[in-house]
Amino acid sequence: MGTLEIRVINNIFVNQSFGRKILSKTLIYVLLMFTFVIVVSAIRYSVILGTSIFAQQIWENTWNFFSSVSFWTFQLYFAAMIGVSLFYSEVRDNIGMSVLHNFIIGKYHKPIQEDRIFMFLDMKSSTTIAEKIGHVKYFEMLREYYSDLSDPIIQYNGEVYQYVGDEIIVSWKLKNGIQENNCLKCFFAMKESLRDRSEKYKSKFEILPSFKAGFHYGKVTTGEIGVLKKDIVFSGDVLNTTARIQGLCNKYNVDILISDQLKNKMNIESEFKIQSQGINELRGRKEVIELFTVQLK
């Protein structure tokens, strides 16, 4: 059922509202289980009685089971469990799996400091695209764009911190991000994900979106915040620095820039080609930083 949910049913209802999605999927799973139990019961009676599954006696016994209290008790229990599971799944997808987990265990109920990697990923020429295809169609494209970039984020242990217009802010705990160069692999897997779907974008939106990204790491204070709407937020200079690094991609005409601090934490040369873009004094900051662009070998 998990495979069916991920591969088929979730894709069918991806554009439905929260409540309609849960109700529709619950009904589908209950009907599937209903059919499965009836068929298995008929096969069981056929084996026990040593007769054809199409014999009248088989279906009389199956009907008796179908009309029993135990059968409907099971169906109601199954429907309740499926409904609860789907509700949890939808909430998790809306606020993020790691965020929900952290809310439940209260990890950030009291602020803590931790080292994190950030990727600020921005769609190229988004304003031009919106004007070309129209804002409603652009929003539809943006929704598919975010969806198609999700699998690489999950695959390489990233956490979506925020969607800001056409920008995605992805975060890793330092250990998870530098392990096997996960944060950089995520970037290139995102590129590949869009390339694999180029025909879809060109046929539906007459354009293939692309993006640029800046990477940096540093210490942040992480904690729950808010009264009417709670959220887990990161506070620290590293976020401003990462945003400014991403903003320099156009200056150097590259799709990716990483800071020297992050580069020195990773074993990049084993899998990637790197090239220095020189020393930069970031806008609004006194310190200088060396930036590098990265390519697949």
Protein backbone atom coordinates (compact mmCIF):
# COMPACT_ATOMS: atom_id res chain seq x y z
CA MET A 1 0.00 0.00 0.00
CA GLY A 2 2.91 2.32 0.66
CA THR A 3 4.23 1.72 -2.84
CA LEU A 4 0.76 2.29 -4.31
CA GLU A 5 0.43 5.54 -2.35
CA ILE A 6 3.80 6.94 -3.46
CA ARG A 7 3.77 5.74 -7.07
CA VAL A 8 0.14 6.16 -8.10
CA ILE A 9 -2.56 7.45 -5.78
CA ASN A 10 -0.72 10.45 -4.33
CA ASN A 11 0.04 11.69 -7.86
CA ILE A 12 -3.65 11.47 -8.82
CA PHE A 13 -4.75 13.72 -5.96
CA VAL A 14 -1.70 15.99 -5.76
CA ASN A 15 -3.72 19.08 -6.80
CA GLN A 16 -6.74 18.38 -4.58
CA SER A 17 -7.56 20.22 -1.37
CA PHE A 18 -6.38 18.86 1.98
CA GLY A 19 -9.78 17.51 3.13
CA ARG A 20 -10.85 16.12 -0.25
CA LYS A 21 -7.52 14.38 -0.67
CA ILE A 22 -7.75 12.59 2.69
CA LEU A 23 -11.41 11.58 2.21
CA SER A 24 -10.93 10.37 -1.39
CA LYS A 25 -7.81 8.37 -0.63
CA THR A 26 -9.37 6.83 2.49
CA LEU A 27 -12.38 5.65 0.44
CA ILE A 28 -10.11 4.18 -2.23
CA TYR A 29 -8.05 2.24 0.30
CA VAL A 30 -11.14 0.99 2.13
CA LEU A 31 -12.63 -0.24 -1.16
CA LEU A 32 -9.37 -1.93 -2.08
CA MET A 33 -9.19 -3.66 1.29
CA PHE A 34 -12.88 -4.59 1.05
CA THR A 35 -12.29 -6.24 -2.33
CA PHE A 36 -9.12 -7.95 -1.13
CA VAL A 37 -10.79 -9.45 1.96
CA ILE A 38 -13.82 -10.70 -0.01
CA VAL A 39 -11.64 -12.36 -2.66
CA VAL A 40 -9.32 -13.95 -0.08
CA SER A 41 -12.32 -15.21 1.89
CA ALA A 42 -13.81 -16.83 -1.21
CA ILE A 43 -10.47 -18.51 -1.99
CA ARG A 44 -10.20 -19.70 1.61
CA TYR A 45 -13.68 -21.31 1.57
CA SER A 46 -12.90 -22.86 -1.82
CA VAL A 47 -9.78 -24.53 -0.37
CA ILE A 48 -11.54 -25.67 2.80
CA LEU A 49 -14.56 -27.14 0.96
CA GLY A 50 -12.53 -28.47 -1.97
CA THR A 51 -14.78 -26.99 -4.60
CA SER A 52 -14.70 -24.37 -7.34
CA ILE A 53 -14.51 -20.75 -6.28
CA PHE A 54 -17.60 -20.11 -8.41
CA ALA A 55 -19.75 -22.63 -6.54
CA GLN A 56 -22.90 -21.24 -4.88
CA GLN A 57 -21.89 -22.58 -1.46
CA ILE A 58 -18.63 -20.63 -1.56
CA TRP A 59 -20.34 -17.30 -2.10
CA GLU A 60 -23.05 -18.08 0.47
CA ASN A 61 -20.31 -18.55 3.08
CA THR A 62 -18.55 -15.43 1.84
CA TRP A 63 -21.79 -13.43 2.09
CA ASN A 64 -22.31 -14.65 5.66
CA PHE A 65 -18.81 -13.43 6.51
CA PHE A 66 -19.40 -10.17 4.67
CA SER A 67 -22.57 -9.48 6.70
CA SER A 68 -20.98 -10.35 10.04
CA VAL A 69 -20.16 -7.88 12.81
CA SER A 70 -16.50 -8.95 12.81
CA PHE A 71 -16.09 -8.04 9.14
CA TRP A 72 -17.54 -4.53 9.55
CA THR A 73 -15.66 -4.00 12.80
CA PHE A 74 -12.45 -4.71 10.90
CA GLN A 75 -13.45 -2.39 8.04
CA LEU A 76 -14.22 0.48 10.43
CA TYR A 77 -10.95 -0.06 12.28
CA PHE A 78 -9.05 -0.14 8.99
CA ALA A 79 -10.78 3.04 7.73
CA ALA A 80 -9.93 4.86 10.98
CA MET A 81 -6.27 3.79 10.85
CA ILE A 82 -5.96 4.77 7.19
CA GLY A 83 -7.60 8.14 7.85
CA VAL A 84 -5.26 8.90 10.74
CA SER A 85 -2.21 7.79 8.72
CA LEU A 86 -3.17 9.90 5.72
CA PHE A 87 -3.85 12.92 7.97
CA TYR A 88 -0.40 12.56 9.51
CA SER A 89 1.16 12.14 6.06
CA GLU A 90 -0.54 15.26 4.67
CA VAL A 91 0.42 17.37 7.70
CA ARG A 92 4.00 16.10 7.38
CA ASP A 93 4.08 17.00 3.67
CA ASN A 94 2.70 20.48 4.38
CA ILE A 95 5.11 21.50 7.13
CA GLY A 96 7.98 19.09 6.44
CA MET A 97 8.82 15.70 7.89
CA SER A 98 11.70 16.90 10.05
CA VAL A 99 9.71 19.93 11.28
CA LEU A 100 6.80 17.73 12.39
CA HIS A 101 9.17 15.30 14.07
CA ASN A 102 10.92 18.13 15.91
CA PHE A 103 7.59 19.63 17.02
CA ILE A 104 6.47 16.26 18.41
CA ILE A 105 9.65 15.58 20.39
CA GLY A 106 10.03 19.25 21.39
CA LYS A 107 13.62 19.40 20.17
CA TYR A 108 13.60 23.14 19.62
CA HIS A 109 11.13 24.12 22.33
CA LYS A 110 14.12 25.81 23.94
CA PRO A 111 16.50 27.53 21.46
CA ILE A 112 19.74 25.70 20.71
CA GLN A 113 22.82 26.53 18.66
CA GLU A 114 23.97 24.24 15.87
CA ASP A 115 26.14 24.27 12.75
CA ARG A 116 24.15 24.11 9.52
CA ILE A 117 24.69 24.25 5.78
CA PHE A 118 22.32 26.38 3.73
CA MET A 119 21.54 26.37 0.02
CA PHE A 120 19.67 29.36 -1.38
CA LEU A 121 18.31 28.18 -4.73
CA ASP A 122 16.72 30.76 -7.04
CA MET A 123 14.94 30.27 -10.37
CA LYS A 124 16.55 32.15 -13.26
CA SER A 125 14.55 34.83 -15.10
CA SER A 126 11.41 34.12 -13.10
CA THR A 127 9.87 37.54 -13.78
CA THR A 128 10.38 37.15 -17.53
CA ILE A 129 8.88 33.65 -17.45
CA ALA A 130 5.82 34.87 -15.51
CA GLU A 131 5.24 37.70 -18.01
CA LYS A 132 5.62 35.31 -20.95
CA ILE A 133 3.28 32.51 -19.86
CA GLY A 134 0.98 34.44 -17.51
CA HIS A 135 0.93 34.48 -13.73
CA VAL A 136 -1.65 31.69 -13.28
CA LYS A 137 0.24 29.31 -15.58
CA TYR A 138 3.49 30.42 -13.94
CA PHE A 139 2.09 29.42 -10.55
CA GLU A 140 1.14 26.00 -11.94
CA MET A 141 4.67 25.61 -13.28
CA LEU A 142 6.13 26.70 -9.94
CA ARG A 143 4.12 24.00 -8.17
CA GLU A 144 5.44 21.30 -10.51
CA TYR A 145 8.94 22.77 -10.28
CA TYR A 146 8.92 22.48 -6.48
CA SER A 147 7.52 18.96 -6.71
CA ASP A 148 10.19 17.80 -9.17
CA LEU A 149 12.98 19.17 -6.95
CA SER A 150 11.67 17.41 -3.85
CA ASP A 151 13.03 13.91 -4.47
CA PRO A 152 16.71 15.01 -4.63
CA ILE A 153 16.25 16.95 -1.39
CA ILE A 154 14.88 13.86 0.33
CA GLN A 155 17.47 11.57 -1.26
CA TYR A 156 20.38 13.66 0.03
CA ASN A 157 19.02 14.32 3.55
CA GLY A 158 18.11 17.96 2.98
CA GLU A 159 15.36 19.86 4.80
CA VAL A 160 13.27 22.52 3.09
CA TYR A 161 13.42 25.53 5.39
CA GLN A 162 11.32 27.95 3.34
CA TYR A 163 9.75 28.55 -0.05
CA VAL A 164 10.11 32.27 -0.77
CA GLY A 165 8.46 33.08 -4.07
CA ASP A 166 10.55 31.22 -6.65
CA GLU A 167 13.37 30.58 -4.17
CA ILE A 168 13.90 27.45 -2.07
CA ILE A 169 16.02 27.53 1.07
CA VAL A 170 17.35 24.07 1.87
CA SER A 171 19.26 23.23 5.04
CA TRP A 172 21.42 20.38 6.33
CA LYS A 173 22.93 19.69 9.68
CA LEU A 174 26.65 20.06 9.05
CA LYS A 175 27.34 16.35 9.49
CA ASN A 176 24.58 15.31 7.08
CA GLY A 177 25.49 17.91 4.47
CA ILE A 178 29.21 17.15 4.21
CA GLN A 179 28.75 13.38 4.46
CA GLU A 180 29.57 12.04 0.98
CA ASN A 181 29.15 15.64 -0.29
CA ASN A 182 25.37 15.35 0.08
CA CYS A 183 24.63 19.05 -0.26
CA LEU A 184 26.45 19.35 -3.61
CA LYS A 185 25.06 16.06 -4.89
CA CYS A 186 21.60 17.38 -4.12
CA PHE A 187 22.19 20.43 -6.33
CA PHE A 188 23.29 18.35 -9.33
CA ALA A 189 20.51 15.81 -8.77
CA MET A 190 18.04 18.71 -8.93
CA LYS A 191 19.54 19.77 -12.25
CA GLU A 192 19.17 16.22 -13.56
CA SER A 193 15.59 16.00 -12.31
CA LEU A 194 14.59 19.02 -14.41
CA ARG A 195 16.49 17.76 -17.46
CA ASP A 196 14.67 14.42 -17.26
CA ARG A 197 11.36 16.30 -17.35
CA SER A 198 12.30 18.81 -20.02
CA GLU A 199 9.69 17.54 -22.48
CA LYS A 200 6.94 17.95 -19.90
CA TYR A 201 7.88 21.56 -19.18
CA LYS A 202 8.27 22.46 -22.84
CA SER A 203 4.93 20.94 -23.81
CA LYS A 204 2.95 22.38 -20.88
CA PHE A 205 4.72 25.69 -20.30
CA GLU A 206 6.86 26.21 -23.43
CA ILE A 207 9.95 26.71 -21.28
CA LEU A 208 12.39 24.69 -19.16
CA PRO A 209 13.10 26.43 -15.84
CA SER A 210 16.65 26.55 -14.51
CA PHE A 211 18.21 27.82 -11.31
CA LYS A 212 21.32 29.07 -9.55
CA ALA A 213 22.38 28.45 -5.96
CA GLY A 214 24.69 29.70 -3.24
CA PHE A 215 26.10 27.54 -0.41
CA HIS A 216 27.53 28.49 2.95
CA TYR A 217 27.65 27.10 6.46
CA GLY A 218 27.79 28.53 9.94
CA LYS A 219 26.31 28.60 13.40
CA VAL A 220 22.60 29.35 13.81
CA THR A 221 20.23 29.58 16.74
CA THR A 222 17.28 27.26 16.15
CA GLY A 223 14.00 27.36 18.02
CA GLU A 224 10.21 27.40 17.93
CA ILE A 225 8.63 30.79 17.42
CA GLY A 226 5.12 32.18 16.97
CA VAL A 227 1.77 32.20 18.76
CA LEU A 228 -1.00 32.05 16.14
CA LYS A 229 1.23 29.98 13.85
CA LYS A 230 4.21 28.14 15.25
CA ASP A 231 7.30 27.53 13.18
CA ILE A 232 10.88 26.37 13.66
CA VAL A 233 13.22 29.14 12.54
CA PHE A 234 16.94 29.62 12.10
CA SER A 235 18.56 32.85 13.20
CA GLY A 236 22.11 33.78 12.30
CA ASP A 237 24.35 35.75 9.97
CA VAL A 238 24.96 32.65 7.84
CA LEU A 239 21.56 33.07 6.16
CA ASN A 240 22.30 36.63 5.02
CA THR A 241 25.73 35.57 3.82
CA THR A 242 24.33 32.64 1.81
CA ALA A 243 21.75 34.91 0.17
CA ARG A 244 24.50 37.33 -0.89
CA ILE A 245 26.63 34.46 -2.24
CA GLN A 246 23.72 33.28 -4.36
CA GLY A 247 23.26 36.83 -5.64
CA LEU A 248 26.81 36.79 -7.08
CA CYS A 249 26.07 33.88 -9.44
CA ASN A 250 24.97 36.32 -12.15
CA LYS A 251 28.13 38.38 -11.73
CA TYR A 252 30.33 35.35 -12.44
CA ASN A 253 27.87 33.75 -14.89
CA VAL A 254 27.79 30.44 -12.99
CA ASP A 255 24.99 28.30 -11.58
CA ILE A 256 26.62 27.48 -8.25
CA LEU A 257 28.89 29.27 -5.77
CA ILE A 258 30.16 27.93 -2.46
CA SER A 259 32.13 29.65 0.27
CA ASP A 260 35.71 28.75 1.09
CA GLN A 261 34.60 27.87 4.66
CA LEU A 262 32.26 25.18 3.35
CA LYS A 263 34.76 24.00 0.74
CA ASN A 264 37.37 23.43 3.44
CA LYS A 265 34.94 21.24 5.36
CA MET A 266 34.34 18.91 2.42
CA ASN A 267 36.25 16.49 0.25
CA ILE A 268 35.07 18.10 -2.97
CA GLU A 269 38.04 17.30 -5.21
CA SER A 270 37.30 13.56 -5.02
CA GLU A 271 34.07 13.95 -7.02
CA PHE A 272 33.91 17.47 -8.46
CA LYS A 273 35.96 20.02 -10.34
CA ILE A 274 36.27 23.33 -8.51
CA GLN A 275 37.36 26.74 -9.69
CA SER A 276 38.04 29.82 -7.60
CA GLN A 277 36.10 32.98 -8.46
CA GLY A 278 38.38 35.16 -6.36
CA ILE A 279 38.08 37.07 -3.12
CA ASN A 280 34.86 38.99 -2.54
CA GLU A 281 33.72 41.56 -0.04
CA LEU A 282 30.02 40.84 0.32
CA ARG A 283 27.58 43.73 0.29
CA GLY A 284 26.93 45.03 3.79
CA ARG A 285 29.75 43.01 5.33
CA LYS A 286 33.32 43.91 6.30
CA GLU A 287 34.84 40.44 6.04
CA VAL A 288 36.04 39.03 2.72
CA ILE A 289 35.24 35.55 1.44
CA GLU A 290 36.64 33.41 -1.36
CA LEU A 291 34.04 31.82 -3.60
CA PHE A 292 34.25 28.71 -5.75
CA THR A 293 32.13 27.27 -8.52
CA VAL A 294 31.70 23.52 -8.81
CA GLN A 295 31.24 21.16 -11.77
CA LEU A 296 30.78 17.44 -12.15
CA LYS A 297 33.90 15.58 -13.26
